[in-house]
Amino acid sequence: MMWETGIGIGLMNILSGRDTPPKELLWLSSVFAGIFMCKIVYDLTGVISSSFFNGYNKLNSNQKLEWNNRGFSTVHAIVVAAGSLYLLVVSDLFVNTQDGLFVSKTSTVSDTLLGVSIGYFLSDLAMIFYYYPALGGMEYVVHHGLSMYSITMALLSGQAQFYILMVLFTEITTPFVNLRWRLDIAGMKNSRIYIYNGVALFFGWLVARIVLFMFFFYHMFIHFDQVKEIFPLGFYSLISVPPVISVMNIFWFWKIARGMVKTLRKARHSQ
């Protein structure tokens, strides 16, 4: 109950705009930084692509829209994957838990990273709705909605950030997905780089979104004594949202595997 009250107070402070504590200011500035990052990268992607890639000017308006959108998607993926890896592996944020539960560990860096990610998901979701269905169907809405909900809960409550960062690290596969789409739209499906990228995407997805999720659930199981200390809404969200995302990852992995096999067969027959 205490954490629900903390979330409510945090939200009221943010919405009122009066006497906002430093932590709430950090959250807000991080979210706006994420939105600003998306806007800047979106514009830069269009400018750079039109100057250095001849095929960009031949794309139709919807293709240019998605091309630029995937630009800030790639940058966000690299930023959050690198940040998550640092916090989970390099830093000692979740290692020394003598002064508290690891599920309650936070830092300025982790809060900033979550805020930036919320800004990205807000920006991308807004574009998906505005241009629907040009940038994706309901599966993207569900994925982004669940992701933004989980990240927001972790940021406002200060709990379960360890597990949220594990899920954010899976974004490391996004640049490969975006590169495959760009190579496809550029008519390079028969190129070697398309094949290499497809193989890298297959193994990257297998490790980051299948094996890592297995470790995610195993880690929750062996540390359930701490997991159950998370406030009720956060606890039930933690045991319900990741399985849904995991099922979506398995479905997408099946499509990636089929696409890779098809591409490899086609490349072998063309030799």
Protein backbone atom coordinates (compact mmCIF):
# COMPACT_ATOMS: atom_id res chain seq x y z
CA MET A 1 0.00 0.00 0.00
CA MET A 2 2.90 2.32 0.76
CA TRP A 3 4.21 2.09 -2.81
CA GLU A 4 0.79 2.76 -4.37
CA THR A 5 0.68 5.89 -2.20
CA GLY A 6 4.18 6.82 -3.36
CA ILE A 7 3.16 6.46 -7.00
CA GLY A 8 0.06 8.58 -6.39
CA ILE A 9 2.07 11.33 -4.70
CA GLY A 10 4.64 11.26 -7.49
CA LEU A 11 1.95 11.58 -10.14
CA MET A 12 0.24 14.45 -8.29
CA ASN A 13 3.54 16.29 -7.95
CA ILE A 14 4.23 15.91 -11.65
CA LEU A 15 0.72 16.96 -12.73
CA SER A 16 0.49 19.92 -10.35
CA GLY A 17 3.85 21.38 -11.37
CA ARG A 18 4.19 23.04 -7.95
CA ASP A 19 7.05 22.31 -5.55
CA THR A 20 8.18 19.42 -7.73
CA PRO A 21 10.98 17.45 -5.98
CA PRO A 22 14.28 16.83 -7.81
CA LYS A 23 13.41 13.18 -8.52
CA GLU A 24 10.17 14.09 -10.29
CA LEU A 25 12.04 16.76 -12.25
CA LEU A 26 14.54 14.12 -13.32
CA TRP A 27 11.72 11.87 -14.49
CA LEU A 28 10.06 14.63 -16.49
CA SER A 29 13.28 15.89 -18.05
CA SER A 30 14.26 12.34 -19.00
CA VAL A 31 10.93 11.70 -20.71
CA PHE A 32 11.15 14.96 -22.64
CA ALA A 33 14.77 14.18 -23.50
CA GLY A 34 13.59 10.89 -25.00
CA ILE A 35 10.93 12.68 -27.06
CA PHE A 36 13.43 15.34 -28.17
CA MET A 37 15.91 12.62 -29.14
CA CYS A 38 13.29 10.95 -31.33
CA LYS A 39 12.43 14.23 -33.06
CA ILE A 40 16.07 15.15 -33.72
CA VAL A 41 17.03 11.68 -35.00
CA TYR A 42 13.89 11.50 -37.15
CA ASP A 43 14.79 14.76 -38.88
CA LEU A 44 18.50 13.91 -39.17
CA THR A 45 17.67 10.50 -40.67
CA GLY A 46 15.74 12.19 -43.47
CA VAL A 47 18.44 14.78 -44.14
CA ILE A 48 21.34 12.31 -44.09
CA SER A 49 19.48 9.67 -46.11
CA SER A 50 18.46 12.11 -48.83
CA SER A 51 22.06 13.32 -49.11
CA PHE A 52 23.95 10.03 -49.07
CA PHE A 53 21.46 7.38 -50.22
CA ASN A 54 20.12 7.83 -53.74
CA GLY A 55 17.29 5.36 -53.26
CA TYR A 56 15.76 7.40 -50.45
CA ASN A 57 14.35 10.03 -52.81
CA LYS A 58 12.65 7.27 -54.82
CA LEU A 59 10.66 6.08 -51.79
CA ASN A 60 7.01 7.04 -51.47
CA SER A 61 5.79 9.13 -48.53
CA ASN A 62 4.83 6.16 -46.36
CA GLN A 63 8.18 4.47 -46.96
CA LYS A 64 10.07 7.66 -46.09
CA LEU A 65 7.93 7.97 -42.96
CA GLU A 66 8.84 4.47 -41.81
CA TRP A 67 12.48 4.88 -42.88
CA ASN A 68 12.87 7.93 -40.65
CA ASN A 69 10.85 6.34 -37.85
CA ARG A 70 13.18 3.35 -37.81
CA GLY A 71 16.06 5.80 -37.48
CA PHE A 72 15.13 6.88 -33.94
CA SER A 73 14.00 3.32 -33.17
CA THR A 74 17.56 2.16 -33.86
CA VAL A 75 19.15 4.92 -31.79
CA HIS A 76 16.83 4.22 -28.84
CA ALA A 77 17.63 0.50 -29.03
CA ILE A 78 21.38 1.14 -28.94
CA VAL A 79 21.10 3.63 -26.07
CA VAL A 80 18.88 1.50 -23.80
CA ALA A 81 20.70 -1.76 -24.59
CA ALA A 82 24.07 -0.20 -23.77
CA GLY A 83 22.69 1.49 -20.65
CA SER A 84 20.99 -1.68 -19.44
CA LEU A 85 24.13 -3.74 -20.01
CA TYR A 86 26.15 -1.24 -18.01
CA LEU A 87 23.70 -1.17 -15.10
CA LEU A 88 23.19 -4.94 -15.00
CA VAL A 89 26.74 -6.16 -15.61
CA VAL A 90 29.33 -3.40 -15.17
CA SER A 91 27.95 -1.31 -12.31
CA ASP A 92 27.45 -2.64 -8.78
CA LEU A 93 23.94 -1.22 -8.46
CA PHE A 94 22.29 -4.62 -8.08
CA VAL A 95 25.28 -6.47 -6.62
CA ASN A 96 25.63 -5.04 -3.13
CA THR A 97 22.19 -5.65 -1.62
CA GLN A 98 23.22 -5.62 2.05
CA ASP A 99 21.47 -2.30 2.53
CA GLY A 100 18.22 -3.43 0.91
CA LEU A 101 16.43 -5.68 -1.57
CA PHE A 102 17.82 -5.71 -5.11
CA VAL A 103 14.26 -5.29 -6.43
CA SER A 104 14.20 -1.88 -4.74
CA LYS A 105 17.54 -0.65 -6.10
CA THR A 106 17.53 2.48 -8.27
CA SER A 107 19.99 5.15 -9.34
CA THR A 108 19.99 8.43 -11.20
CA VAL A 109 21.30 6.62 -14.29
CA SER A 110 18.61 3.92 -14.18
CA ASP A 111 15.83 6.48 -13.64
CA THR A 112 17.15 8.57 -16.53
CA LEU A 113 17.35 5.55 -18.82
CA LEU A 114 13.77 4.51 -18.02
CA GLY A 115 12.54 8.06 -18.55
CA VAL A 116 14.23 8.31 -21.96
CA SER A 117 12.70 4.99 -22.94
CA ILE A 118 9.24 6.18 -21.92
CA GLY A 119 9.78 9.22 -24.12
CA TYR A 120 10.66 6.95 -27.03
CA PHE A 121 7.63 4.70 -26.59
CA LEU A 122 5.36 7.74 -26.28
CA SER A 123 6.76 9.19 -29.50
CA ASP A 124 6.59 5.94 -31.43
CA LEU A 125 3.12 5.07 -30.15
CA ALA A 126 1.86 8.55 -31.08
CA MET A 127 3.18 8.09 -34.62
CA ILE A 128 1.69 4.60 -34.86
CA PHE A 129 -1.74 5.92 -33.88
CA TYR A 130 -1.51 9.04 -36.08
CA TYR A 131 -0.44 7.16 -39.20
CA TYR A 132 -2.21 3.88 -38.40
CA PRO A 133 -1.70 1.32 -39.87
CA ALA A 134 1.29 2.57 -41.91
CA LEU A 135 3.80 2.00 -39.09
CA GLY A 136 2.40 -1.26 -37.74
CA GLY A 137 -0.74 -3.00 -36.56
CA MET A 138 -2.23 -3.80 -33.17
CA GLU A 139 0.66 -6.08 -32.21
CA TYR A 140 2.90 -3.00 -32.04
CA VAL A 141 0.30 -1.11 -30.05
CA VAL A 142 0.06 -3.97 -27.54
CA HIS A 143 3.85 -4.34 -27.31
CA HIS A 144 4.49 -0.62 -26.87
CA GLY A 145 1.58 -0.21 -24.47
CA LEU A 146 2.72 -3.04 -22.20
CA SER A 147 6.33 -1.86 -22.35
CA MET A 148 5.46 1.73 -21.48
CA TYR A 149 3.16 0.60 -18.66
CA SER A 150 5.84 -1.62 -17.10
CA ILE A 151 8.62 0.97 -17.42
CA THR A 152 6.42 3.70 -15.93
CA MET A 153 5.49 1.49 -12.97
CA ALA A 154 9.16 0.72 -12.30
CA LEU A 155 10.16 4.38 -12.57
CA LEU A 156 7.44 5.78 -10.32
CA SER A 157 7.65 3.04 -7.69
CA GLY A 158 11.41 2.56 -7.73
CA GLN A 159 10.90 -1.20 -7.76
CA ALA A 160 11.65 -4.07 -10.16
CA GLN A 161 14.03 -1.93 -12.23
CA PHE A 162 16.44 -4.88 -12.40
CA TYR A 163 13.90 -6.91 -14.37
CA ILE A 164 12.76 -3.98 -16.50
CA LEU A 165 16.37 -3.35 -17.53
CA MET A 166 16.70 -7.01 -18.53
CA VAL A 167 13.70 -6.61 -20.82
CA LEU A 168 15.03 -3.32 -22.22
CA PHE A 169 18.31 -5.03 -23.10
CA THR A 170 16.38 -7.20 -25.58
CA GLU A 171 16.04 -4.07 -27.72
CA ILE A 172 19.56 -4.91 -28.94
CA THR A 173 17.90 -6.90 -31.75
CA THR A 174 16.02 -3.88 -33.08
CA PRO A 175 18.87 -2.48 -35.25
CA PHE A 176 19.01 -5.82 -37.12
CA VAL A 177 15.26 -5.74 -37.69
CA ASN A 178 15.45 -2.18 -38.99
CA LEU A 179 18.42 -2.94 -41.24
CA ARG A 180 16.57 -5.89 -42.75
CA TRP A 181 13.59 -3.67 -43.56
CA ARG A 182 15.86 -1.02 -45.13
CA LEU A 183 17.71 -3.58 -47.25
CA ASP A 184 14.39 -5.03 -48.37
CA ILE A 185 12.93 -1.65 -49.33
CA ALA A 186 16.19 -0.79 -51.13
CA GLY A 187 15.89 -3.93 -53.29
CA MET A 188 18.87 -5.68 -51.72
CA LYS A 189 17.23 -8.92 -50.59
CA ASN A 190 19.67 -10.91 -52.70
CA SER A 191 22.76 -9.22 -51.31
CA ARG A 192 25.25 -10.85 -48.96
CA ILE A 193 24.70 -8.22 -46.30
CA TYR A 194 20.98 -9.10 -46.25
CA ILE A 195 21.85 -12.76 -45.66
CA TYR A 196 24.46 -11.97 -42.98
CA ASN A 197 22.08 -9.60 -41.24
CA GLY A 198 19.33 -12.24 -41.30
CA VAL A 199 21.59 -14.82 -39.67
CA ALA A 200 22.73 -12.26 -37.06
CA LEU A 201 19.10 -11.36 -36.37
CA PHE A 202 18.18 -15.04 -35.90
CA PHE A 203 20.92 -15.74 -33.37
CA GLY A 204 20.58 -12.34 -31.72
CA TRP A 205 16.85 -12.86 -31.25
CA LEU A 206 17.44 -16.39 -29.96
CA VAL A 207 19.87 -15.18 -27.31
CA ALA A 208 18.34 -11.81 -26.36
CA ARG A 209 14.62 -12.55 -26.60
CA ILE A 210 14.30 -16.29 -26.03
CA VAL A 211 17.20 -17.50 -23.88
CA LEU A 212 17.37 -14.26 -21.86
CA PHE A 213 13.64 -14.46 -21.11
CA MET A 214 14.15 -18.03 -19.88
CA PHE A 215 16.84 -16.72 -17.53
CA PHE A 216 14.49 -13.86 -16.59
CA PHE A 217 11.81 -16.27 -15.37
CA TYR A 218 14.38 -18.54 -13.70
CA HIS A 219 15.88 -15.56 -11.85
CA MET A 220 12.43 -14.50 -10.66
CA PHE A 221 11.76 -18.04 -9.43
CA ILE A 222 14.94 -18.39 -7.36
CA HIS A 223 14.55 -14.85 -5.97
CA PHE A 224 10.81 -15.06 -5.42
CA ASP A 225 11.26 -14.15 -1.75
CA GLN A 226 12.28 -10.67 -2.90
CA VAL A 227 9.96 -10.50 -5.89
CA LYS A 228 6.91 -10.98 -3.66
CA GLU A 229 7.98 -7.92 -1.64
CA ILE A 230 7.13 -5.69 -4.63
CA PHE A 231 3.93 -3.71 -4.11
CA PRO A 232 0.81 -5.67 -5.24
CA LEU A 233 0.10 -3.99 -8.59
CA GLY A 234 3.77 -4.12 -9.52
CA PHE A 235 4.06 -7.74 -8.42
CA TYR A 236 1.09 -8.94 -10.47
CA SER A 237 2.26 -6.87 -13.44
CA LEU A 238 5.72 -8.43 -13.21
CA ILE A 239 4.35 -11.97 -13.29
CA SER A 240 1.78 -11.27 -16.04
CA VAL A 241 3.24 -8.77 -18.54
CA PRO A 242 6.60 -10.50 -19.33
CA PRO A 243 4.88 -13.80 -20.28
CA VAL A 244 2.73 -11.92 -22.80
CA ILE A 245 5.78 -10.22 -24.30
CA SER A 246 7.58 -13.57 -24.29
CA VAL A 247 4.80 -15.18 -26.34
CA MET A 248 5.00 -12.32 -28.84
CA ASN A 249 8.78 -12.79 -29.03
CA ILE A 250 8.36 -16.50 -29.75
CA PHE A 251 5.83 -15.75 -32.50
CA TRP A 252 8.17 -13.19 -34.10
CA PHE A 253 11.10 -15.61 -33.73
CA TRP A 254 9.16 -18.23 -35.68
CA LYS A 255 8.63 -15.71 -38.49
CA ILE A 256 12.31 -14.71 -38.41
CA ALA A 257 13.39 -18.35 -38.57
CA ARG A 258 11.11 -19.04 -41.54
CA GLY A 259 12.39 -15.96 -43.33
CA MET A 260 16.02 -16.92 -42.72
CA VAL A 261 15.53 -20.47 -43.99
CA LYS A 262 13.74 -19.17 -47.08
CA THR A 263 16.53 -16.65 -47.78
CA LEU A 264 19.31 -19.23 -47.31
CA ARG A 265 17.57 -21.71 -49.61
CA LYS A 266 17.13 -19.05 -52.26
CA ALA A 267 20.79 -18.01 -51.98
CA ARG A 268 21.98 -21.63 -52.27
CA HIS A 269 19.86 -22.32 -55.36
CA SER A 270 21.09 -19.14 -57.05
CA GLN A 271 24.72 -20.21 -56.81
